[in-house]
Amino acid sequence: SITLVHLAKKAFAPMKIPFPLVHIDTGHNFPEALQFRDYLAENIGAELIVRKVEDTIKAKSLTEPKGKFASRNWLQTHTLLDTIEEFGFDACIGGARRDEEKARAKERFFSVRDEFGQWDPKLQRPELWNIYNGRINKGENVRVFPISNWTELDVWNYIKKENIQLPSIYFAHDREVIEYDGQLIAVSDFIQIDENDTIVSKKVRYRTVG
């Protein structure tokens, strides 16, 4: 997402980015990520829209995920769709890439969604060379992924080349974690720690903070 903001900034320079930045806040974000989000928006003079999953859970009486490491990620869709309707967005630009997971491998640069935010691969448009069809029907919206065909290495090389500033959490740092099933889980207010867990301090870095 930071790379995408940098590309948009370059594309519209010397003007400001002519559309708002949107963050769907799960409430489970690292403090460093939120601080950088606010800093970045202010630094480039962009409008920042933040909508919280917590508010959606309360307003729609949604079921809060349960479990030791319960995630709100799947609930983000509800908040995103509400935000799209609230502001009348017909397109949302994202930094997803095809190499991230199998489901994204079929994703187009222009990914059409129906009024319920659903993606049907059978209804996606052919994209020949750099020719794209952004037309949508009433009620539909489109998710646009400009760096869909980039790899993770492409992103890091671009960040290095352009000297793009990143949140401190992307770099190795000391943090309290617990070891669970071969993973290091950051200690936070959002996970359940019991007597079987041992909290240790390790030097870690996160490849993603979303």
N, C-alpha and C. Protein backbone atom coordinates (compact mmCIF):
# COMPACT_ATOMS: atom_id res chain seq x y z
N SER A 1 0.82 -1.21 0.00
CA SER A 1 0.00 0.00 0.00
C SER A 1 0.86 1.26 0.00
N ILE A 2 1.97 1.23 0.73
CA ILE A 2 2.86 2.38 0.77
C ILE A 2 3.46 2.63 -0.61
N THR A 3 3.83 1.54 -1.29
CA THR A 3 4.35 1.66 -2.65
C THR A 3 3.31 2.26 -3.58
N LEU A 4 2.06 1.84 -3.41
CA LEU A 4 0.97 2.34 -4.24
C LEU A 4 0.76 3.84 -4.02
N VAL A 5 0.81 4.26 -2.77
CA VAL A 5 0.68 5.69 -2.46
C VAL A 5 1.81 6.48 -3.12
N HIS A 6 3.01 5.93 -3.09
CA HIS A 6 4.15 6.61 -3.71
C HIS A 6 3.97 6.73 -5.22
N LEU A 7 3.46 5.67 -5.85
CA LEU A 7 3.20 5.70 -7.29
C LEU A 7 2.13 6.75 -7.63
N ALA A 8 1.09 6.81 -6.81
CA ALA A 8 0.02 7.79 -7.04
C ALA A 8 0.55 9.21 -6.86
N LYS A 9 1.39 9.38 -5.86
CA LYS A 9 1.99 10.69 -5.61
C LYS A 9 2.81 11.16 -6.81
N LYS A 10 3.59 10.24 -7.40
CA LYS A 10 4.40 10.58 -8.57
C LYS A 10 3.52 10.84 -9.79
N ALA A 11 2.46 10.06 -9.92
CA ALA A 11 1.59 10.18 -11.10
C ALA A 11 0.91 11.54 -11.17
N PHE A 12 0.55 12.10 -10.01
CA PHE A 12 -0.21 13.35 -10.00
C PHE A 12 0.63 14.56 -9.62
N ALA A 13 1.91 14.37 -9.35
CA ALA A 13 2.77 15.50 -9.00
C ALA A 13 2.78 16.53 -10.13
N PRO A 14 2.82 17.82 -9.82
CA PRO A 14 3.02 18.41 -8.49
C PRO A 14 1.72 18.59 -7.70
N MET A 15 0.61 18.11 -8.24
CA MET A 15 -0.66 18.19 -7.51
C MET A 15 -0.69 17.17 -6.38
N LYS A 16 -1.65 17.34 -5.49
CA LYS A 16 -1.88 16.34 -4.46
C LYS A 16 -2.66 15.17 -5.07
N ILE A 17 -2.62 14.04 -4.41
CA ILE A 17 -3.40 12.89 -4.86
C ILE A 17 -4.88 13.28 -4.83
N PRO A 18 -5.60 13.16 -5.95
CA PRO A 18 -6.97 13.69 -6.04
C PRO A 18 -8.06 12.77 -5.47
N PHE A 19 -7.66 11.76 -4.74
CA PHE A 19 -8.66 10.88 -4.12
C PHE A 19 -8.20 10.57 -2.69
N PRO A 20 -9.13 10.19 -1.83
CA PRO A 20 -8.76 9.94 -0.43
C PRO A 20 -8.07 8.59 -0.24
N LEU A 21 -7.29 8.51 0.82
CA LEU A 21 -6.75 7.23 1.27
C LEU A 21 -7.75 6.63 2.25
N VAL A 22 -8.02 5.35 2.11
CA VAL A 22 -9.00 4.68 2.97
C VAL A 22 -8.33 3.57 3.75
N HIS A 23 -8.56 3.57 5.06
CA HIS A 23 -8.05 2.48 5.90
C HIS A 23 -9.20 1.85 6.65
N ILE A 24 -9.39 0.55 6.46
CA ILE A 24 -10.38 -0.20 7.23
C ILE A 24 -9.64 -0.77 8.43
N ASP A 25 -9.90 -0.21 9.59
CA ASP A 25 -9.16 -0.52 10.81
C ASP A 25 -9.82 -1.68 11.55
N THR A 26 -9.11 -2.80 11.65
CA THR A 26 -9.65 -3.96 12.36
C THR A 26 -9.66 -3.75 13.87
N GLY A 27 -8.87 -2.79 14.34
CA GLY A 27 -8.72 -2.62 15.78
C GLY A 27 -7.61 -3.49 16.33
N HIS A 28 -7.00 -4.30 15.46
CA HIS A 28 -5.92 -5.20 15.86
C HIS A 28 -4.59 -4.80 15.23
N ASN A 29 -4.48 -3.55 14.82
CA ASN A 29 -3.26 -3.11 14.14
C ASN A 29 -2.13 -2.82 15.12
N PHE A 30 -0.90 -2.95 14.64
CA PHE A 30 0.25 -2.56 15.44
C PHE A 30 0.26 -1.03 15.58
N PRO A 31 0.57 -0.51 16.77
CA PRO A 31 0.61 0.94 16.97
C PRO A 31 1.53 1.64 15.98
N GLU A 32 2.66 1.01 15.64
CA GLU A 32 3.61 1.62 14.70
C GLU A 32 2.96 1.84 13.33
N ALA A 33 2.10 0.90 12.93
CA ALA A 33 1.44 1.02 11.62
C ALA A 33 0.45 2.18 11.62
N LEU A 34 -0.30 2.34 12.70
CA LEU A 34 -1.28 3.42 12.79
C LEU A 34 -0.58 4.79 12.84
N GLN A 35 0.50 4.86 13.58
CA GLN A 35 1.25 6.12 13.66
C GLN A 35 1.78 6.52 12.29
N PHE A 36 2.31 5.54 11.56
CA PHE A 36 2.85 5.84 10.23
C PHE A 36 1.74 6.21 9.26
N ARG A 37 0.59 5.55 9.37
CA ARG A 37 -0.57 5.87 8.52
C ARG A 37 -0.92 7.35 8.64
N ASP A 38 -1.04 7.82 9.88
CA ASP A 38 -1.40 9.22 10.11
C ASP A 38 -0.30 10.17 9.63
N TYR A 39 0.94 9.78 9.89
CA TYR A 39 2.08 10.61 9.47
C TYR A 39 2.12 10.72 7.95
N LEU A 40 1.95 9.59 7.26
CA LEU A 40 2.03 9.59 5.79
C LEU A 40 0.96 10.47 5.17
N ALA A 41 -0.28 10.32 5.64
CA ALA A 41 -1.38 11.11 5.08
C ALA A 41 -1.15 12.60 5.28
N GLU A 42 -0.67 12.96 6.48
CA GLU A 42 -0.42 14.38 6.76
C GLU A 42 0.76 14.89 5.95
N ASN A 43 1.79 14.06 5.81
CA ASN A 43 3.01 14.47 5.13
C ASN A 43 2.78 14.77 3.65
N ILE A 44 1.90 14.00 3.00
CA ILE A 44 1.66 14.22 1.56
C ILE A 44 0.39 15.04 1.32
N GLY A 45 -0.27 15.45 2.40
CA GLY A 45 -1.46 16.29 2.27
C GLY A 45 -2.66 15.57 1.70
N ALA A 46 -2.78 14.27 2.00
CA ALA A 46 -3.90 13.48 1.47
C ALA A 46 -5.04 13.40 2.48
N GLU A 47 -6.24 13.33 1.96
CA GLU A 47 -7.40 13.09 2.82
C GLU A 47 -7.37 11.64 3.29
N LEU A 48 -7.59 11.43 4.58
CA LEU A 48 -7.57 10.08 5.13
C LEU A 48 -8.94 9.73 5.70
N ILE A 49 -9.51 8.65 5.20
CA ILE A 49 -10.79 8.15 5.70
C ILE A 49 -10.51 6.86 6.47
N VAL A 50 -10.91 6.84 7.73
CA VAL A 50 -10.73 5.64 8.56
C VAL A 50 -12.11 5.16 9.02
N ARG A 51 -12.38 3.91 8.76
CA ARG A 51 -13.61 3.30 9.26
C ARG A 51 -13.23 2.04 10.03
N LYS A 52 -13.90 1.82 11.16
CA LYS A 52 -13.49 0.78 12.10
C LYS A 52 -14.41 -0.43 12.08
N VAL A 53 -13.79 -1.61 12.05
CA VAL A 53 -14.55 -2.85 12.11
C VAL A 53 -15.34 -2.93 13.42
N GLU A 54 -14.77 -2.40 14.49
CA GLU A 54 -15.44 -2.40 15.79
C GLU A 54 -16.81 -1.73 15.70
N ASP A 55 -16.88 -0.61 14.98
CA ASP A 55 -18.16 0.10 14.83
C ASP A 55 -19.15 -0.74 14.03
N THR A 56 -18.66 -1.45 13.02
CA THR A 56 -19.54 -2.30 12.21
C THR A 56 -20.08 -3.45 13.04
N ILE A 57 -19.24 -4.05 13.88
CA ILE A 57 -19.67 -5.15 14.74
C ILE A 57 -20.81 -4.70 15.64
N LYS A 58 -20.69 -3.50 16.21
CA LYS A 58 -21.72 -2.98 17.10
C LYS A 58 -22.99 -2.60 16.34
N ALA A 59 -22.82 -1.92 15.20
CA ALA A 59 -23.98 -1.43 14.45
C ALA A 59 -24.79 -2.56 13.83
N LYS A 60 -24.12 -3.62 13.41
CA LYS A 60 -24.80 -4.72 12.72
C LYS A 60 -24.92 -5.99 13.56
N SER A 61 -24.52 -5.87 14.83
CA SER A 61 -24.58 -7.02 15.74
C SER A 61 -23.89 -8.25 15.14
N LEU A 62 -22.73 -8.04 14.55
CA LEU A 62 -21.97 -9.14 13.96
C LEU A 62 -21.32 -9.97 15.06
N THR A 63 -21.09 -11.23 14.76
CA THR A 63 -20.47 -12.13 15.73
C THR A 63 -18.96 -11.92 15.74
N GLU A 64 -18.45 -11.59 16.91
CA GLU A 64 -17.01 -11.40 17.07
C GLU A 64 -16.31 -12.77 17.00
N PRO A 65 -15.29 -12.91 16.17
CA PRO A 65 -14.57 -14.19 16.11
C PRO A 65 -14.01 -14.58 17.47
N LYS A 66 -14.08 -15.85 17.79
CA LYS A 66 -13.58 -16.35 19.07
C LYS A 66 -12.34 -17.20 18.85
N GLY A 67 -11.61 -17.42 19.92
CA GLY A 67 -10.43 -18.28 19.82
C GLY A 67 -9.19 -17.58 20.31
N LYS A 68 -8.15 -18.36 20.46
CA LYS A 68 -6.89 -17.86 21.02
C LYS A 68 -6.31 -16.73 20.18
N PHE A 69 -6.31 -16.91 18.87
CA PHE A 69 -5.77 -15.88 17.98
C PHE A 69 -6.85 -15.43 17.00
N ALA A 70 -8.01 -15.10 17.53
CA ALA A 70 -9.14 -14.71 16.69
C ALA A 70 -8.78 -13.51 15.82
N SER A 71 -9.18 -13.59 14.55
CA SER A 71 -8.88 -12.52 13.59
C SER A 71 -10.17 -11.86 13.11
N ARG A 72 -10.11 -10.56 12.94
CA ARG A 72 -11.25 -9.82 12.41
C ARG A 72 -11.13 -9.58 10.90
N ASN A 73 -10.15 -10.17 10.28
CA ASN A 73 -9.88 -9.88 8.87
C ASN A 73 -11.08 -10.10 7.97
N TRP A 74 -11.83 -11.21 8.19
CA TRP A 74 -12.97 -11.49 7.30
C TRP A 74 -14.09 -10.49 7.51
N LEU A 75 -14.12 -9.83 8.68
CA LEU A 75 -15.16 -8.83 8.95
C LEU A 75 -14.88 -7.51 8.23
N GLN A 76 -13.66 -7.34 7.74
CA GLN A 76 -13.32 -6.09 7.05
C GLN A 76 -14.21 -5.85 5.84
N THR A 77 -14.67 -6.94 5.21
CA THR A 77 -15.50 -6.81 4.01
C THR A 77 -16.76 -6.02 4.31
N HIS A 78 -17.39 -6.29 5.45
CA HIS A 78 -18.61 -5.57 5.84
C HIS A 78 -18.33 -4.07 5.94
N THR A 79 -17.24 -3.74 6.63
CA THR A 79 -16.90 -2.33 6.83
C THR A 79 -16.53 -1.66 5.51
N LEU A 80 -15.81 -2.38 4.66
CA LEU A 80 -15.42 -1.83 3.36
C LEU A 80 -16.65 -1.54 2.50
N LEU A 81 -17.59 -2.49 2.44
CA LEU A 81 -18.79 -2.28 1.63
C LEU A 81 -19.61 -1.10 2.15
N ASP A 82 -19.68 -0.96 3.47
CA ASP A 82 -20.39 0.19 4.06
C ASP A 82 -19.69 1.49 3.69
N THR A 83 -18.36 1.48 3.67
CA THR A 83 -17.59 2.67 3.32
C THR A 83 -17.77 3.03 1.86
N ILE A 84 -17.78 2.02 0.99
CA ILE A 84 -18.01 2.25 -0.45
C ILE A 84 -19.38 2.90 -0.66
N GLU A 85 -20.38 2.40 0.06
CA GLU A 85 -21.73 2.96 -0.08
C GLU A 85 -21.81 4.36 0.51
N GLU A 86 -21.17 4.56 1.66
CA GLU A 86 -21.20 5.86 2.33
C GLU A 86 -20.64 6.98 1.46
N PHE A 87 -19.54 6.70 0.79
CA PHE A 87 -18.86 7.74 0.00
C PHE A 87 -19.14 7.63 -1.49
N GLY A 88 -19.89 6.61 -1.89
CA GLY A 88 -20.24 6.48 -3.30
C GLY A 88 -19.06 6.15 -4.20
N PHE A 89 -18.10 5.41 -3.67
CA PHE A 89 -16.94 5.03 -4.49
C PHE A 89 -17.36 4.05 -5.58
N ASP A 90 -16.93 4.30 -6.81
CA ASP A 90 -17.16 3.32 -7.87
C ASP A 90 -15.90 2.52 -8.15
N ALA A 91 -14.78 2.95 -7.57
CA ALA A 91 -13.53 2.21 -7.73
C ALA A 91 -12.68 2.35 -6.47
N CYS A 92 -12.04 1.28 -6.09
CA CYS A 92 -11.11 1.28 -4.96
C CYS A 92 -9.78 0.72 -5.45
N ILE A 93 -8.71 1.46 -5.22
CA ILE A 93 -7.39 1.05 -5.69
C ILE A 93 -6.64 0.38 -4.54
N GLY A 94 -6.11 -0.81 -4.80
CA GLY A 94 -5.42 -1.56 -3.76
C GLY A 94 -4.07 -2.06 -4.21
N GLY A 95 -3.27 -2.50 -3.25
CA GLY A 95 -1.91 -2.94 -3.55
C GLY A 95 -1.73 -4.45 -3.59
N ALA A 96 -2.82 -5.19 -3.77
CA ALA A 96 -2.72 -6.65 -3.81
C ALA A 96 -1.92 -7.11 -5.03
N ARG A 97 -1.24 -8.26 -4.86
CA ARG A 97 -0.43 -8.82 -5.94
C ARG A 97 -0.83 -10.27 -6.18
N ARG A 98 -0.63 -10.73 -7.40
CA ARG A 98 -1.02 -12.10 -7.77
C ARG A 98 -0.15 -13.15 -7.09
N ASP A 99 1.07 -12.79 -6.72
CA ASP A 99 1.96 -13.79 -6.14
C ASP A 99 1.72 -14.00 -4.64
N GLU A 100 0.78 -13.26 -4.07
CA GLU A 100 0.55 -13.36 -2.63
C GLU A 100 -0.16 -14.65 -2.23
N GLU A 101 -1.12 -15.08 -3.04
CA GLU A 101 -1.85 -16.31 -2.75
C GLU A 101 -2.53 -16.80 -4.03
N LYS A 102 -2.94 -18.08 -4.02
CA LYS A 102 -3.52 -18.69 -5.22
C LYS A 102 -4.77 -17.96 -5.69
N ALA A 103 -5.61 -17.52 -4.74
CA ALA A 103 -6.87 -16.88 -5.11
C ALA A 103 -6.64 -15.62 -5.92
N ARG A 104 -5.52 -14.93 -5.68
CA ARG A 104 -5.25 -13.68 -6.39
C ARG A 104 -4.65 -13.92 -7.78
N ALA A 105 -4.23 -15.14 -8.05
CA ALA A 105 -3.58 -15.43 -9.33
C ALA A 105 -4.53 -15.21 -10.51
N LYS A 106 -5.84 -15.35 -10.26
CA LYS A 106 -6.83 -15.17 -11.33
C LYS A 106 -7.36 -13.74 -11.39
N GLU A 107 -6.94 -12.91 -10.46
CA GLU A 107 -7.46 -11.55 -10.36
C GLU A 107 -6.95 -10.69 -11.51
N ARG A 108 -7.85 -9.88 -12.06
CA ARG A 108 -7.49 -8.93 -13.11
C ARG A 108 -6.96 -7.64 -12.48
N PHE A 109 -6.39 -6.78 -13.33
CA PHE A 109 -6.03 -5.45 -12.86
C PHE A 109 -7.29 -4.70 -12.45
N PHE A 110 -8.35 -4.83 -13.29
CA PHE A 110 -9.66 -4.25 -12.98
C PHE A 110 -10.56 -5.41 -12.57
N SER A 111 -10.84 -5.52 -11.29
CA SER A 111 -11.60 -6.65 -10.75
C SER A 111 -13.01 -6.17 -10.39
N VAL A 112 -13.99 -6.61 -11.18
CA VAL A 112 -15.37 -6.15 -11.01
C VAL A 112 -16.04 -6.91 -9.87
N ARG A 113 -16.73 -6.18 -8.99
CA ARG A 113 -17.48 -6.78 -7.89
C ARG A 113 -18.95 -6.40 -8.01
N ASP A 114 -19.82 -7.31 -7.57
CA ASP A 114 -21.24 -7.00 -7.62
C ASP A 114 -21.63 -6.15 -6.43
N GLU A 115 -22.93 -5.87 -6.28
CA GLU A 115 -23.38 -4.97 -5.22
C GLU A 115 -23.13 -5.52 -3.82
N PHE A 116 -22.86 -6.83 -3.73
CA PHE A 116 -22.56 -7.45 -2.44
C PHE A 116 -21.05 -7.61 -2.23
N GLY A 117 -20.27 -7.04 -3.13
CA GLY A 117 -18.82 -7.13 -3.01
C GLY A 117 -18.25 -8.45 -3.45
N GLN A 118 -19.06 -9.28 -4.10
CA GLN A 118 -18.62 -10.61 -4.50
C GLN A 118 -17.87 -10.56 -5.83
N TRP A 119 -16.89 -11.44 -5.95
CA TRP A 119 -16.05 -11.52 -7.14
C TRP A 119 -16.32 -12.84 -7.85
N ASP A 120 -16.74 -12.76 -9.11
CA ASP A 120 -17.02 -13.95 -9.91
C ASP A 120 -16.01 -13.99 -11.05
N PRO A 121 -15.08 -14.97 -11.03
CA PRO A 121 -14.06 -15.01 -12.09
C PRO A 121 -14.64 -15.15 -13.48
N LYS A 122 -15.85 -15.71 -13.60
CA LYS A 122 -16.46 -15.90 -14.92
C LYS A 122 -16.91 -14.58 -15.53
N LEU A 123 -17.10 -13.58 -14.69
CA LEU A 123 -17.61 -12.29 -15.17
C LEU A 123 -16.50 -11.25 -15.37
N GLN A 124 -15.26 -11.65 -15.18
CA GLN A 124 -14.16 -10.70 -15.33
C GLN A 124 -13.86 -10.46 -16.81
N ARG A 125 -13.43 -9.24 -17.11
CA ARG A 125 -13.20 -8.85 -18.51
C ARG A 125 -11.81 -9.27 -18.97
N PRO A 126 -11.66 -9.58 -20.25
CA PRO A 126 -10.32 -9.84 -20.79
C PRO A 126 -9.49 -8.56 -20.75
N GLU A 127 -8.21 -8.70 -20.49
CA GLU A 127 -7.32 -7.55 -20.45
C GLU A 127 -6.15 -7.83 -21.40
N LEU A 128 -6.20 -7.18 -22.55
CA LEU A 128 -5.20 -7.38 -23.59
C LEU A 128 -4.18 -6.25 -23.55
N TRP A 129 -2.92 -6.62 -23.38
CA TRP A 129 -1.84 -5.66 -23.26
C TRP A 129 -2.18 -4.65 -22.15
N ASN A 130 -2.27 -3.37 -22.50
CA ASN A 130 -2.60 -2.37 -21.48
C ASN A 130 -3.97 -1.77 -21.74
N ILE A 131 -4.87 -2.57 -22.30
CA ILE A 131 -6.23 -2.11 -22.59
C ILE A 131 -7.17 -2.65 -21.51
N TYR A 132 -7.82 -1.74 -20.79
CA TYR A 132 -8.67 -2.15 -19.67
C TYR A 132 -10.08 -1.59 -19.83
N ASN A 133 -11.04 -2.33 -19.33
CA ASN A 133 -12.44 -1.92 -19.37
C ASN A 133 -12.91 -1.64 -17.95
N GLY A 134 -13.07 -0.36 -17.64
CA GLY A 134 -13.47 0.04 -16.30
C GLY A 134 -14.95 0.33 -16.16
N ARG A 135 -15.73 0.01 -17.19
CA ARG A 135 -17.17 0.29 -17.12
C ARG A 135 -17.86 -0.68 -16.18
N ILE A 136 -18.79 -0.16 -15.40
CA ILE A 136 -19.52 -1.00 -14.47
C ILE A 136 -21.01 -0.67 -14.54
N ASN A 137 -21.83 -1.63 -14.13
CA ASN A 137 -23.26 -1.42 -14.06
C ASN A 137 -23.63 -0.79 -12.73
N LYS A 138 -24.84 -0.29 -12.64
CA LYS A 138 -25.31 0.32 -11.41
C LYS A 138 -25.25 -0.69 -10.27
N GLY A 139 -24.70 -0.25 -9.15
CA GLY A 139 -24.58 -1.12 -7.99
C GLY A 139 -23.25 -1.85 -7.92
N GLU A 140 -22.56 -1.95 -9.05
CA GLU A 140 -21.26 -2.62 -9.06
C GLU A 140 -20.16 -1.63 -8.67
N ASN A 141 -19.03 -2.16 -8.31
CA ASN A 141 -17.83 -1.34 -8.16
C ASN A 141 -16.64 -2.16 -8.62
N VAL A 142 -15.54 -1.50 -8.80
CA VAL A 142 -14.36 -2.20 -9.32
C VAL A 142 -13.18 -1.98 -8.38
N ARG A 143 -12.45 -3.04 -8.14
CA ARG A 143 -11.21 -2.94 -7.37
C ARG A 143 -10.07 -2.93 -8.39
N VAL A 144 -9.21 -1.96 -8.27
CA VAL A 144 -8.12 -1.79 -9.24
C VAL A 144 -6.79 -2.10 -8.55
N PHE A 145 -6.01 -3.01 -9.15
CA PHE A 145 -4.75 -3.44 -8.55
C PHE A 145 -3.59 -3.15 -9.51
N PRO A 146 -3.06 -1.91 -9.48
CA PRO A 146 -2.03 -1.50 -10.45
C PRO A 146 -0.74 -2.30 -10.39
N ILE A 147 -0.40 -2.84 -9.20
CA ILE A 147 0.85 -3.60 -9.11
C ILE A 147 0.56 -5.09 -8.96
N SER A 148 -0.54 -5.52 -9.54
CA SER A 148 -0.95 -6.92 -9.46
C SER A 148 0.11 -7.87 -9.99
N ASN A 149 0.82 -7.45 -11.04
CA ASN A 149 1.81 -8.34 -11.65
C ASN A 149 3.23 -8.13 -11.11
N TRP A 150 3.36 -7.35 -10.05
CA TRP A 150 4.66 -7.21 -9.39
C TRP A 150 4.87 -8.40 -8.45
N THR A 151 6.13 -8.73 -8.22
CA THR A 151 6.46 -9.72 -7.19
C THR A 151 6.88 -8.98 -5.92
N GLU A 152 7.02 -9.73 -4.84
CA GLU A 152 7.48 -9.10 -3.61
C GLU A 152 8.86 -8.48 -3.80
N LEU A 153 9.70 -9.16 -4.57
CA LEU A 153 11.04 -8.62 -4.84
C LEU A 153 10.96 -7.33 -5.64
N ASP A 154 10.02 -7.25 -6.58
CA ASP A 154 9.82 -6.01 -7.34
C ASP A 154 9.50 -4.86 -6.40
N VAL A 155 8.63 -5.13 -5.43
CA VAL A 155 8.22 -4.10 -4.48
C VAL A 155 9.42 -3.61 -3.67
N TRP A 156 10.19 -4.56 -3.14
CA TRP A 156 11.33 -4.17 -2.31
C TRP A 156 12.40 -3.45 -3.14
N ASN A 157 12.61 -3.88 -4.37
CA ASN A 157 13.58 -3.18 -5.23
C ASN A 157 13.13 -1.76 -5.51
N TYR A 158 11.81 -1.58 -5.70
CA TYR A 158 11.28 -0.24 -5.97
C TYR A 158 11.43 0.64 -4.73
N ILE A 159 11.13 0.06 -3.57
CA ILE A 159 11.28 0.80 -2.31
C ILE A 159 12.72 1.27 -2.13
N LYS A 160 13.66 0.38 -2.44
CA LYS A 160 15.08 0.73 -2.31
C LYS A 160 15.47 1.80 -3.32
N LYS A 161 15.03 1.63 -4.56
CA LYS A 161 15.38 2.58 -5.62
C LYS A 161 14.84 3.98 -5.32
N GLU A 162 13.60 4.04 -4.85
CA GLU A 162 12.95 5.34 -4.61
C GLU A 162 13.17 5.86 -3.19
N ASN A 163 13.85 5.05 -2.37
CA ASN A 163 14.13 5.43 -0.98
C ASN A 163 12.83 5.79 -0.24
N ILE A 164 11.87 4.90 -0.33
CA ILE A 164 10.56 5.13 0.28
C ILE A 164 10.62 4.86 1.77
N GLN A 165 10.09 5.78 2.54
CA GLN A 165 10.08 5.62 4.00
C GLN A 165 9.06 4.56 4.41
N LEU A 166 9.43 3.74 5.39
CA LEU A 166 8.57 2.65 5.85
C LEU A 166 8.37 2.74 7.36
N PRO A 167 7.30 2.13 7.88
CA PRO A 167 7.12 2.05 9.33
C PRO A 167 8.26 1.25 9.95
N SER A 168 8.64 1.61 11.16
CA SER A 168 9.76 0.93 11.83
C SER A 168 9.51 -0.56 12.01
N ILE A 169 8.26 -0.97 12.07
CA ILE A 169 7.92 -2.36 12.34
C ILE A 169 8.36 -3.30 11.21
N TYR A 170 8.60 -2.76 10.02
CA TYR A 170 9.05 -3.59 8.91
C TYR A 170 10.49 -4.07 9.09
N PHE A 171 11.23 -3.41 9.98
CA PHE A 171 12.63 -3.75 10.18
C PHE A 171 12.80 -4.56 11.46
N ALA A 172 13.89 -5.32 11.54
CA ALA A 172 14.14 -6.17 12.70
C ALA A 172 14.19 -5.34 13.98
N HIS A 173 13.52 -5.81 15.01
CA HIS A 173 13.46 -5.09 16.28
C HIS A 173 13.14 -6.09 17.39
N ASP A 174 13.41 -5.69 18.61
CA ASP A 174 13.10 -6.55 19.75
C ASP A 174 11.63 -6.39 20.12
N ARG A 175 10.95 -7.52 20.30
CA ARG A 175 9.53 -7.50 20.64
C ARG A 175 9.19 -8.74 21.45
N GLU A 176 8.27 -8.57 22.39
CA GLU A 176 7.80 -9.72 23.16
C GLU A 176 6.89 -10.58 22.30
N VAL A 177 7.17 -11.88 22.29
CA VAL A 177 6.40 -12.81 21.48
C VAL A 177 6.16 -14.09 22.27
N ILE A 178 5.24 -14.91 21.78
CA ILE A 178 5.09 -16.27 22.29
C ILE A 178 5.27 -17.22 21.11
N GLU A 179 5.83 -18.37 21.39
CA GLU A 179 6.02 -19.37 20.34
C GLU A 179 4.82 -20.31 20.35
N TYR A 180 4.19 -20.46 19.19
CA TYR A 180 3.00 -21.30 19.11
C TYR A 180 2.96 -22.00 17.76
N ASP A 181 3.00 -23.32 17.78
CA ASP A 181 2.87 -24.13 16.57
C ASP A 181 3.85 -23.69 15.48
N GLY A 182 5.08 -23.44 15.89
CA GLY A 182 6.11 -23.07 14.93
C GLY A 182 6.10 -21.61 14.50
N GLN A 183 5.24 -20.82 15.12
CA GLN A 183 5.14 -19.40 14.77
C GLN A 183 5.51 -18.53 15.96
N LEU A 184 5.95 -17.32 15.67
CA LEU A 184 6.18 -16.32 16.70
C LEU A 184 5.02 -15.33 16.63
N ILE A 185 4.23 -15.28 17.69
CA ILE A 185 3.06 -14.41 17.75
C ILE A 185 3.36 -13.22 18.66
N ALA A 186 3.18 -12.02 18.15
CA ALA A 186 3.44 -10.82 18.94
C ALA A 186 2.47 -10.72 20.11
N VAL A 187 2.99 -10.41 21.27
CA VAL A 187 2.15 -10.21 22.45
C VAL A 187 1.38 -8.90 22.29
N SER A 188 0.07 -8.97 22.46
CA SER A 188 -0.76 -7.77 22.34
C SER A 188 -2.02 -7.97 23.17
N ASP A 189 -2.85 -6.95 23.20
CA ASP A 189 -4.10 -7.02 23.95
C ASP A 189 -5.14 -7.88 23.24
N PHE A 190 -4.85 -8.32 22.02
CA PHE A 190 -5.86 -8.97 21.19
C PHE A 190 -5.74 -10.48 21.15
N ILE A 191 -4.75 -11.03 21.85
CA ILE A 191 -4.61 -12.49 21.86
C ILE A 191 -4.78 -13.01 23.29
N GLN A 192 -5.18 -14.25 23.40
CA GLN A 192 -5.38 -14.86 24.71
C GLN A 192 -4.10 -15.58 25.13
N ILE A 193 -3.52 -15.12 26.22
CA ILE A 193 -2.31 -15.74 26.74
C ILE A 193 -2.67 -16.53 27.99
N ASP A 194 -2.33 -17.81 28.00
CA ASP A 194 -2.65 -18.64 29.16
C ASP A 194 -1.38 -19.13 29.84
N GLU A 195 -1.56 -19.98 30.86
CA GLU A 195 -0.42 -20.42 31.67
C GLU A 195 0.57 -21.29 30.90
N ASN A 196 0.14 -21.83 29.77
CA ASN A 196 1.03 -22.67 28.97
C ASN A 196 1.93 -21.87 28.03
N ASP A 197 1.65 -20.59 27.91
CA ASP A 197 2.43 -19.73 27.01
C ASP A 197 3.62 -19.12 27.74
N THR A 198 4.74 -19.08 27.07
CA THR A 198 5.93 -18.45 27.62
C THR A 198 6.27 -17.22 26.79
N ILE A 199 6.27 -16.08 27.45
CA ILE A 199 6.59 -14.83 26.75
C ILE A 199 8.10 -14.64 26.74
N VAL A 200 8.65 -14.44 25.55
CA VAL A 200 10.08 -14.22 25.40
C VAL A 200 10.31 -12.99 24.54
N SER A 201 11.47 -12.42 24.65
CA SER A 201 11.83 -11.27 23.82
C SER A 201 12.76 -11.75 22.71
N LYS A 202 12.38 -11.48 21.48
CA LYS A 202 13.19 -11.91 20.34
C LYS A 202 13.31 -10.76 19.34
N LYS A 203 14.35 -10.84 18.53
CA LYS A 203 14.51 -9.87 17.45
C LYS A 203 13.72 -10.40 16.26
N VAL A 204 12.70 -9.67 15.85
CA VAL A 204 11.81 -10.13 14.79
C VAL A 204 11.58 -9.02 13.77
N ARG A 205 11.07 -9.41 12.61
CA ARG A 205 10.58 -8.45 11.63
C ARG A 205 9.35 -9.05 10.98
N TYR A 206 8.45 -8.19 10.53
CA TYR A 206 7.20 -8.65 9.94
C TYR A 206 7.19 -8.31 8.45
N ARG A 207 6.89 -9.31 7.63
CA ARG A 207 6.84 -9.08 6.18
C ARG A 207 5.54 -8.40 5.78
N THR A 208 4.55 -8.45 6.64
CA THR A 208 3.30 -7.75 6.38
C THR A 208 2.71 -7.29 7.70
N VAL A 209 2.09 -6.13 7.70
CA VAL A 209 1.50 -5.62 8.95
C VAL A 209 0.02 -5.33 8.75
N GLY A 210 -0.57 -5.87 7.67
CA GLY A 210 -1.98 -5.64 7.39
C GLY A 210 -2.87 -6.53 8.22
